[in-house]
Amino acid sequence: MGKEFILRDFIRQLKNPETQLDFRKITTFYERKWFNNEISTAKDALLYEQKCQIFKSSLTNFLPTSNTNMNTIE
């Protein structure tokens, strides 16, 4: 069996401190909902989506440029 990664390992692989923070915000939000068995509201979903978009935009600064749209599945 290969090495198992935990969240801390993934965060360490993100070299940019801002990207680490954005990722941590997303996972903390998710973990609070999951481990506290909280029901999410539409407002929660919108906030979570916004956090994910911020994280995604921070990644575009580090990804190679391409003509491929990452939002489409072919």
PDB file of N, CA and C in Angstrom:
ATOM      1  N   MET A   1       0.850  -1.180   0.000  1.00  0.00           N
ATOM      2  CA  MET A   1       0.000   0.000   0.000  1.00  0.00           C
ATOM      3  C   MET A   1       0.896   1.244   0.000  1.00  0.00           C
ATOM      4  N   GLY A   2       0.520   2.258  -0.757  1.00  0.00           N
ATOM      5  CA  GLY A   2       1.301   3.483  -0.853  1.00  0.00           C
ATOM      6  C   GLY A   2       1.149   4.349   0.383  1.00  0.00           C
ATOM      7  N   LYS A   3       1.946   5.371   0.439  1.00  0.00           N
ATOM      8  CA  LYS A   3       1.904   6.293   1.566  1.00  0.00           C
ATOM      9  C   LYS A   3       0.548   6.991   1.622  1.00  0.00           C
ATOM     10  N   GLU A   4      -0.017   7.033   2.798  1.00  0.00           N
ATOM     11  CA  GLU A   4      -1.286   7.727   2.968  1.00  0.00           C
ATOM     12  C   GLU A   4      -1.004   9.181   3.319  1.00  0.00           C
ATOM     13  N   PHE A   5      -1.689  10.066   2.646  1.00  0.00           N
ATOM     14  CA  PHE A   5      -1.521  11.485   2.901  1.00  0.00           C
ATOM     15  C   PHE A   5      -2.642  11.966   3.795  1.00  0.00           C
ATOM     16  N   ILE A   6      -2.291  12.868   4.677  1.00  0.00           N
ATOM     17  CA  ILE A   6      -3.301  13.539   5.464  1.00  0.00           C
ATOM     18  C   ILE A   6      -3.322  14.993   5.026  1.00  0.00           C
ATOM     19  N   LEU A   7      -4.313  15.701   5.460  1.00  0.00           N
ATOM     20  CA  LEU A   7      -4.505  17.084   5.028  1.00  0.00           C
ATOM     21  C   LEU A   7      -3.237  17.917   5.217  1.00  0.00           C
ATOM     22  N   ARG A   8      -2.561  17.739   6.315  1.00  0.00           N
ATOM     23  CA  ARG A   8      -1.333  18.489   6.592  1.00  0.00           C
ATOM     24  C   ARG A   8      -0.296  18.279   5.486  1.00  0.00           C
ATOM     25  N   ASP A   9      -0.216  17.058   4.947  1.00  0.00           N
ATOM     26  CA  ASP A   9       0.736  16.767   3.872  1.00  0.00           C
ATOM     27  C   ASP A   9       0.392  17.536   2.602  1.00  0.00           C
ATOM     28  N   PHE A  10      -0.887  17.612   2.280  1.00  0.00           N
ATOM     29  CA  PHE A  10      -1.305  18.356   1.090  1.00  0.00           C
ATOM     30  C   PHE A  10      -1.016  19.840   1.249  1.00  0.00           C
ATOM     31  N   ILE A  11      -1.280  20.370   2.432  1.00  0.00           N
ATOM     32  CA  ILE A  11      -1.028  21.796   2.668  1.00  0.00           C
ATOM     33  C   ILE A  11       0.458  22.101   2.527  1.00  0.00           C
ATOM     34  N   ARG A  12       1.308  21.234   3.018  1.00  0.00           N
ATOM     35  CA  ARG A  12       2.758  21.441   2.904  1.00  0.00           C
ATOM     36  C   ARG A  12       3.214  21.466   1.449  1.00  0.00           C
ATOM     37  N   GLN A  13       2.532  20.744   0.586  1.00  0.00           N
ATOM     38  CA  GLN A  13       2.928  20.704  -0.819  1.00  0.00           C
ATOM     39  C   GLN A  13       2.556  21.994  -1.547  1.00  0.00           C
ATOM     40  N   LEU A  14       1.671  22.772  -0.992  1.00  0.00           N
ATOM     41  CA  LEU A  14       1.322  24.069  -1.564  1.00  0.00           C
ATOM     42  C   LEU A  14       2.382  25.065  -1.086  1.00  0.00           C
ATOM     43  N   LYS A  15       3.209  25.502  -1.984  1.00  0.00           N
ATOM     44  CA  LYS A  15       4.363  26.322  -1.608  1.00  0.00           C
ATOM     45  C   LYS A  15       4.001  27.767  -1.264  1.00  0.00           C
ATOM     46  N   ASN A  16       2.968  28.308  -1.889  1.00  0.00           N
ATOM     47  CA  ASN A  16       2.593  29.699  -1.680  1.00  0.00           C
ATOM     48  C   ASN A  16       1.773  29.835  -0.393  1.00  0.00           C
ATOM     49  N   PRO A  17       2.185  30.718   0.534  1.00  0.00           N
ATOM     50  CA  PRO A  17       1.461  30.877   1.803  1.00  0.00           C
ATOM     51  C   PRO A  17      -0.001  31.294   1.624  1.00  0.00           C
ATOM     52  N   GLU A  18      -0.287  32.140   0.628  1.00  0.00           N
ATOM     53  CA  GLU A  18      -1.672  32.562   0.388  1.00  0.00           C
ATOM     54  C   GLU A  18      -2.517  31.379  -0.081  1.00  0.00           C
ATOM     55  N   THR A  19      -1.954  30.542  -0.922  1.00  0.00           N
ATOM     56  CA  THR A  19      -2.659  29.368  -1.405  1.00  0.00           C
ATOM     57  C   THR A  19      -2.902  28.395  -0.262  1.00  0.00           C
ATOM     58  N   GLN A  20      -1.927  28.245   0.605  1.00  0.00           N
ATOM     59  CA  GLN A  20      -2.103  27.389   1.783  1.00  0.00           C
ATOM     60  C   GLN A  20      -3.258  27.891   2.643  1.00  0.00           C
ATOM     61  N   LEU A  21      -3.306  29.203   2.857  1.00  0.00           N
ATOM     62  CA  LEU A  21      -4.355  29.793   3.678  1.00  0.00           C
ATOM     63  C   LEU A  21      -5.724  29.594   3.039  1.00  0.00           C
ATOM     64  N   ASP A  22      -5.833  29.842   1.736  1.00  0.00           N
ATOM     65  CA  ASP A  22      -7.113  29.652   1.043  1.00  0.00           C
ATOM     66  C   ASP A  22      -7.576  28.199   1.145  1.00  0.00           C
ATOM     67  N   PHE A  23      -6.661  27.257   0.952  1.00  0.00           N
ATOM     68  CA  PHE A  23      -7.010  25.844   1.040  1.00  0.00           C
ATOM     69  C   PHE A  23      -7.431  25.483   2.458  1.00  0.00           C
ATOM     70  N   ARG A  24      -6.725  26.013   3.428  1.00  0.00           N
ATOM     71  CA  ARG A  24      -7.057  25.733   4.830  1.00  0.00           C
ATOM     72  C   ARG A  24      -8.438  26.269   5.179  1.00  0.00           C
ATOM     73  N   LYS A  25      -8.800  27.458   4.655  1.00  0.00           N
ATOM     74  CA  LYS A  25     -10.132  28.027   4.902  1.00  0.00           C
ATOM     75  C   LYS A  25     -11.219  27.105   4.358  1.00  0.00           C
ATOM     76  N   ILE A  26     -10.981  26.573   3.162  1.00  0.00           N
ATOM     77  CA  ILE A  26     -11.964  25.675   2.547  1.00  0.00           C
ATOM     78  C   ILE A  26     -12.127  24.412   3.380  1.00  0.00           C
ATOM     79  N   THR A  27     -11.025  23.815   3.759  1.00  0.00           N
ATOM     80  CA  THR A  27     -11.109  22.550   4.489  1.00  0.00           C
ATOM     81  C   THR A  27     -11.659  22.750   5.901  1.00  0.00           C
ATOM     82  N   THR A  28     -11.326  23.867   6.530  1.00  0.00           N
ATOM     83  CA  THR A  28     -11.860  24.138   7.868  1.00  0.00           C
ATOM     84  C   THR A  28     -13.368  24.303   7.816  1.00  0.00           C
ATOM     85  N   PHE A  29     -13.849  25.029   6.829  1.00  0.00           N
ATOM     86  CA  PHE A  29     -15.288  25.221   6.661  1.00  0.00           C
ATOM     87  C   PHE A  29     -15.986  23.875   6.486  1.00  0.00           C
ATOM     88  N   TYR A  30     -15.428  23.040   5.617  1.00  0.00           N
ATOM     89  CA  TYR A  30     -15.998  21.716   5.361  1.00  0.00           C
ATOM     90  C   TYR A  30     -15.965  20.847   6.620  1.00  0.00           C
ATOM     91  N   GLU A  31     -14.825  20.825   7.307  1.00  0.00           N
ATOM     92  CA  GLU A  31     -14.682  19.987   8.497  1.00  0.00           C
ATOM     93  C   GLU A  31     -15.651  20.376   9.596  1.00  0.00           C
ATOM     94  N   ARG A  32     -15.885  21.675   9.768  1.00  0.00           N
ATOM     95  CA  ARG A  32     -16.854  22.113  10.779  1.00  0.00           C
ATOM     96  C   ARG A  32     -18.238  21.551  10.483  1.00  0.00           C
ATOM     97  N   LYS A  33     -18.615  21.612   9.230  1.00  0.00           N
ATOM     98  CA  LYS A  33     -19.933  21.087   8.845  1.00  0.00           C
ATOM     99  C   LYS A  33     -19.979  19.568   9.005  1.00  0.00           C
ATOM    100  N   TRP A  34     -18.962  18.896   8.527  1.00  0.00           N
ATOM    101  CA  TRP A  34     -18.952  17.427   8.523  1.00  0.00           C
ATOM    102  C   TRP A  34     -18.904  16.854   9.941  1.00  0.00           C
ATOM    103  N   PHE A  35     -17.915  17.284  10.715  1.00  0.00           N
ATOM    104  CA  PHE A  35     -17.702  16.687  12.030  1.00  0.00           C
ATOM    105  C   PHE A  35     -18.712  17.140  13.075  1.00  0.00           C
ATOM    106  N   ASN A  36     -19.360  18.267  12.855  1.00  0.00           N
ATOM    107  CA  ASN A  36     -20.392  18.730  13.781  1.00  0.00           C
ATOM    108  C   ASN A  36     -21.790  18.311  13.338  1.00  0.00           C
ATOM    109  N   ASN A  37     -21.844  17.556  12.227  1.00  0.00           N
ATOM    110  CA  ASN A  37     -23.125  17.113  11.671  1.00  0.00           C
ATOM    111  C   ASN A  37     -24.101  18.269  11.484  1.00  0.00           C
ATOM    112  N   GLU A  38     -23.573  19.388  11.007  1.00  0.00           N
ATOM    113  CA  GLU A  38     -24.401  20.568  10.779  1.00  0.00           C
ATOM    114  C   GLU A  38     -25.062  20.492   9.410  1.00  0.00           C
ATOM    115  N   ILE A  39     -26.258  20.983   9.348  1.00  0.00           N
ATOM    116  CA  ILE A  39     -26.971  21.074   8.075  1.00  0.00           C
ATOM    117  C   ILE A  39     -26.594  22.405   7.435  1.00  0.00           C
ATOM    118  N   SER A  40     -26.200  22.354   6.184  1.00  0.00           N
ATOM    119  CA  SER A  40     -25.818  23.569   5.475  1.00  0.00           C
ATOM    120  C   SER A  40     -27.042  24.268   4.918  1.00  0.00           C
ATOM    121  N   THR A  41     -26.958  25.580   4.920  1.00  0.00           N
ATOM    122  CA  THR A  41     -28.000  26.412   4.340  1.00  0.00           C
ATOM    123  C   THR A  41     -27.543  26.867   2.955  1.00  0.00           C
ATOM    124  N   ALA A  42     -28.444  27.512   2.249  1.00  0.00           N
ATOM    125  CA  ALA A  42     -28.081  28.076   0.943  1.00  0.00           C
ATOM    126  C   ALA A  42     -26.974  29.123   1.118  1.00  0.00           C
ATOM    127  N   LYS A  43     -27.025  29.872   2.206  1.00  0.00           N
ATOM    128  CA  LYS A  43     -25.995  30.875   2.489  1.00  0.00           C
ATOM    129  C   LYS A  43     -24.637  30.192   2.700  1.00  0.00           C
ATOM    130  N   ASP A  44     -24.630  29.060   3.418  1.00  0.00           N
ATOM    131  CA  ASP A  44     -23.393  28.299   3.618  1.00  0.00           C
ATOM    132  C   ASP A  44     -22.821  27.831   2.285  1.00  0.00           C
ATOM    133  N   ALA A  45     -23.695  27.319   1.431  1.00  0.00           N
ATOM    134  CA  ALA A  45     -23.252  26.812   0.133  1.00  0.00           C
ATOM    135  C   ALA A  45     -22.635  27.928  -0.700  1.00  0.00           C
ATOM    136  N   LEU A  46     -23.250  29.099  -0.671  1.00  0.00           N
ATOM    137  CA  LEU A  46     -22.721  30.244  -1.422  1.00  0.00           C
ATOM    138  C   LEU A  46     -21.360  30.664  -0.868  1.00  0.00           C
ATOM    139  N   LEU A  47     -21.236  30.708   0.451  1.00  0.00           N
ATOM    140  CA  LEU A  47     -19.961  31.066   1.067  1.00  0.00           C
ATOM    141  C   LEU A  47     -18.885  30.050   0.707  1.00  0.00           C
ATOM    142  N   TYR A  48     -19.228  28.768   0.762  1.00  0.00           N
ATOM    143  CA  TYR A  48     -18.275  27.715   0.422  1.00  0.00           C
ATOM    144  C   TYR A  48     -17.848  27.826  -1.044  1.00  0.00           C
ATOM    145  N   GLU A  49     -18.809  28.082  -1.918  1.00  0.00           N
ATOM    146  CA  GLU A  49     -18.492  28.244  -3.340  1.00  0.00           C
ATOM    147  C   GLU A  49     -17.541  29.418  -3.549  1.00  0.00           C
ATOM    148  N   GLN A  50     -17.777  30.511  -2.852  1.00  0.00           N
ATOM    149  CA  GLN A  50     -16.903  31.676  -2.969  1.00  0.00           C
ATOM    150  C   GLN A  50     -15.480  31.343  -2.511  1.00  0.00           C
ATOM    151  N   LYS A  51     -15.364  30.617  -1.399  1.00  0.00           N
ATOM    152  CA  LYS A  51     -14.043  30.225  -0.900  1.00  0.00           C
ATOM    153  C   LYS A  51     -13.324  29.340  -1.929  1.00  0.00           C
ATOM    154  N   CYS A  52     -14.076  28.439  -2.562  1.00  0.00           N
ATOM    155  CA  CYS A  52     -13.485  27.563  -3.576  1.00  0.00           C
ATOM    156  C   CYS A  52     -13.034  28.353  -4.794  1.00  0.00           C
ATOM    157  N   GLN A  53     -13.813  29.349  -5.198  1.00  0.00           N
ATOM    158  CA  GLN A  53     -13.437  30.177  -6.346  1.00  0.00           C
ATOM    159  C   GLN A  53     -12.176  30.984  -6.045  1.00  0.00           C
ATOM    160  N   ILE A  54     -12.067  31.502  -4.839  1.00  0.00           N
ATOM    161  CA  ILE A  54     -10.856  32.242  -4.452  1.00  0.00           C
ATOM    162  C   ILE A  54      -9.652  31.322  -4.514  1.00  0.00           C
ATOM    163  N   PHE A  55      -9.821  30.110  -3.998  1.00  0.00           N
ATOM    164  CA  PHE A  55      -8.723  29.148  -4.032  1.00  0.00           C
ATOM    165  C   PHE A  55      -8.354  28.800  -5.465  1.00  0.00           C
ATOM    166  N   LYS A  56      -9.349  28.549  -6.286  1.00  0.00           N
ATOM    167  CA  LYS A  56      -9.095  28.201  -7.687  1.00  0.00           C
ATOM    168  C   LYS A  56      -8.357  29.333  -8.400  1.00  0.00           C
ATOM    169  N   SER A  57      -8.760  30.568  -8.153  1.00  0.00           N
ATOM    170  CA  SER A  57      -8.095  31.690  -8.821  1.00  0.00           C
ATOM    171  C   SER A  57      -6.658  31.837  -8.331  1.00  0.00           C
ATOM    172  N   SER A  58      -6.395  31.487  -7.076  1.00  0.00           N
ATOM    173  CA  SER A  58      -5.020  31.568  -6.590  1.00  0.00           C
ATOM    174  C   SER A  58      -4.141  30.512  -7.252  1.00  0.00           C
ATOM    175  N   LEU A  59      -4.726  29.393  -7.633  1.00  0.00           N
ATOM    176  CA  LEU A  59      -3.963  28.344  -8.298  1.00  0.00           C
ATOM    177  C   LEU A  59      -3.587  28.715  -9.721  1.00  0.00           C
ATOM    178  N   THR A  60      -4.403  29.503 -10.376  1.00  0.00           N
ATOM    179  CA  THR A  60      -4.123  29.849 -11.770  1.00  0.00           C
ATOM    180  C   THR A  60      -2.804  30.599 -11.915  1.00  0.00           C
ATOM    181  N   ASN A  61      -2.340  31.221 -10.847  1.00  0.00           N
ATOM    182  CA  ASN A  61      -1.055  31.911 -10.885  1.00  0.00           C
ATOM    183  C   ASN A  61       0.119  30.938 -10.923  1.00  0.00           C
ATOM    184  N   PHE A  62      -0.142  29.678 -10.592  1.00  0.00           N
ATOM    185  CA  PHE A  62       0.939  28.702 -10.494  1.00  0.00           C
ATOM    186  C   PHE A  62       0.840  27.578 -11.515  1.00  0.00           C
ATOM    187  N   LEU A  63      -0.261  27.534 -12.245  1.00  0.00           N
ATOM    188  CA  LEU A  63      -0.443  26.491 -13.240  1.00  0.00           C
ATOM    189  C   LEU A  63       0.116  26.950 -14.578  1.00  0.00           C
ATOM    190  N   PRO A  64       0.612  26.021 -15.383  1.00  0.00           N
ATOM    191  CA  PRO A  64       1.080  26.414 -16.712  1.00  0.00           C
ATOM    192  C   PRO A  64      -0.083  26.930 -17.551  1.00  0.00           C
ATOM    193  N   THR A  65       0.183  27.904 -18.380  1.00  0.00           N
ATOM    194  CA  THR A  65      -0.872  28.433 -19.225  1.00  0.00           C
ATOM    195  C   THR A  65      -1.178  27.445 -20.339  1.00  0.00           C
ATOM    196  N   SER A  66      -2.436  27.419 -20.704  1.00  0.00           N
ATOM    197  CA  SER A  66      -2.880  26.476 -21.723  1.00  0.00           C
ATOM    198  C   SER A  66      -4.142  27.013 -22.358  1.00  0.00           C
ATOM    199  N   ASN A  67      -4.433  26.549 -23.550  1.00  0.00           N
ATOM    200  CA  ASN A  67      -5.689  26.906 -24.201  1.00  0.00           C
ATOM    201  C   ASN A  67      -6.838  26.047 -23.712  1.00  0.00           C
ATOM    202  N   THR A  68      -6.546  25.073 -22.893  1.00  0.00           N
ATOM    203  CA  THR A  68      -7.566  24.167 -22.392  1.00  0.00           C
ATOM    204  C   THR A  68      -8.334  24.830 -21.267  1.00  0.00           C
ATOM    205  N   ASN A  69      -9.660  24.788 -21.379  1.00  0.00           N
ATOM    206  CA  ASN A  69     -10.518  25.332 -20.339  1.00  0.00           C
ATOM    207  C   ASN A  69     -10.695  24.274 -19.269  1.00  0.00           C
ATOM    208  N   MET A  70     -10.301  24.568 -18.037  1.00  0.00           N
ATOM    209  CA  MET A  70     -10.369  23.597 -16.948  1.00  0.00           C
ATOM    210  C   MET A  70     -11.810  23.317 -16.512  1.00  0.00           C
ATOM    211  N   ASN A  71     -12.760  24.130 -16.951  1.00  0.00           N
ATOM    212  CA  ASN A  71     -14.139  23.948 -16.537  1.00  0.00           C
ATOM    213  C   ASN A  71     -14.925  23.005 -17.441  1.00  0.00           C
ATOM    214  N   THR A  72     -14.315  22.540 -18.502  1.00  0.00           N
ATOM    215  CA  THR A  72     -15.039  21.658 -19.414  1.00  0.00           C
ATOM    216  C   THR A  72     -14.500  20.246 -19.363  1.00  0.00           C
ATOM    217  N   ILE A  73     -15.383  19.324 -19.572  1.00  0.00           N
ATOM    218  CA  ILE A  73     -14.998  17.912 -19.622  1.00  0.00           C
ATOM    219  C   ILE A  73     -15.173  17.438 -21.056  1.00  0.00           C
ATOM    220  N   GLU A  74     -14.146  16.860 -21.595  1.00  0.00           N
ATOM    221  CA  GLU A  74     -14.242  16.387 -22.977  1.00  0.00           C
ATOM    222  C   GLU A  74     -14.235  14.888 -23.029  1.00  0.00           C
TER     223      GLU A  74
END
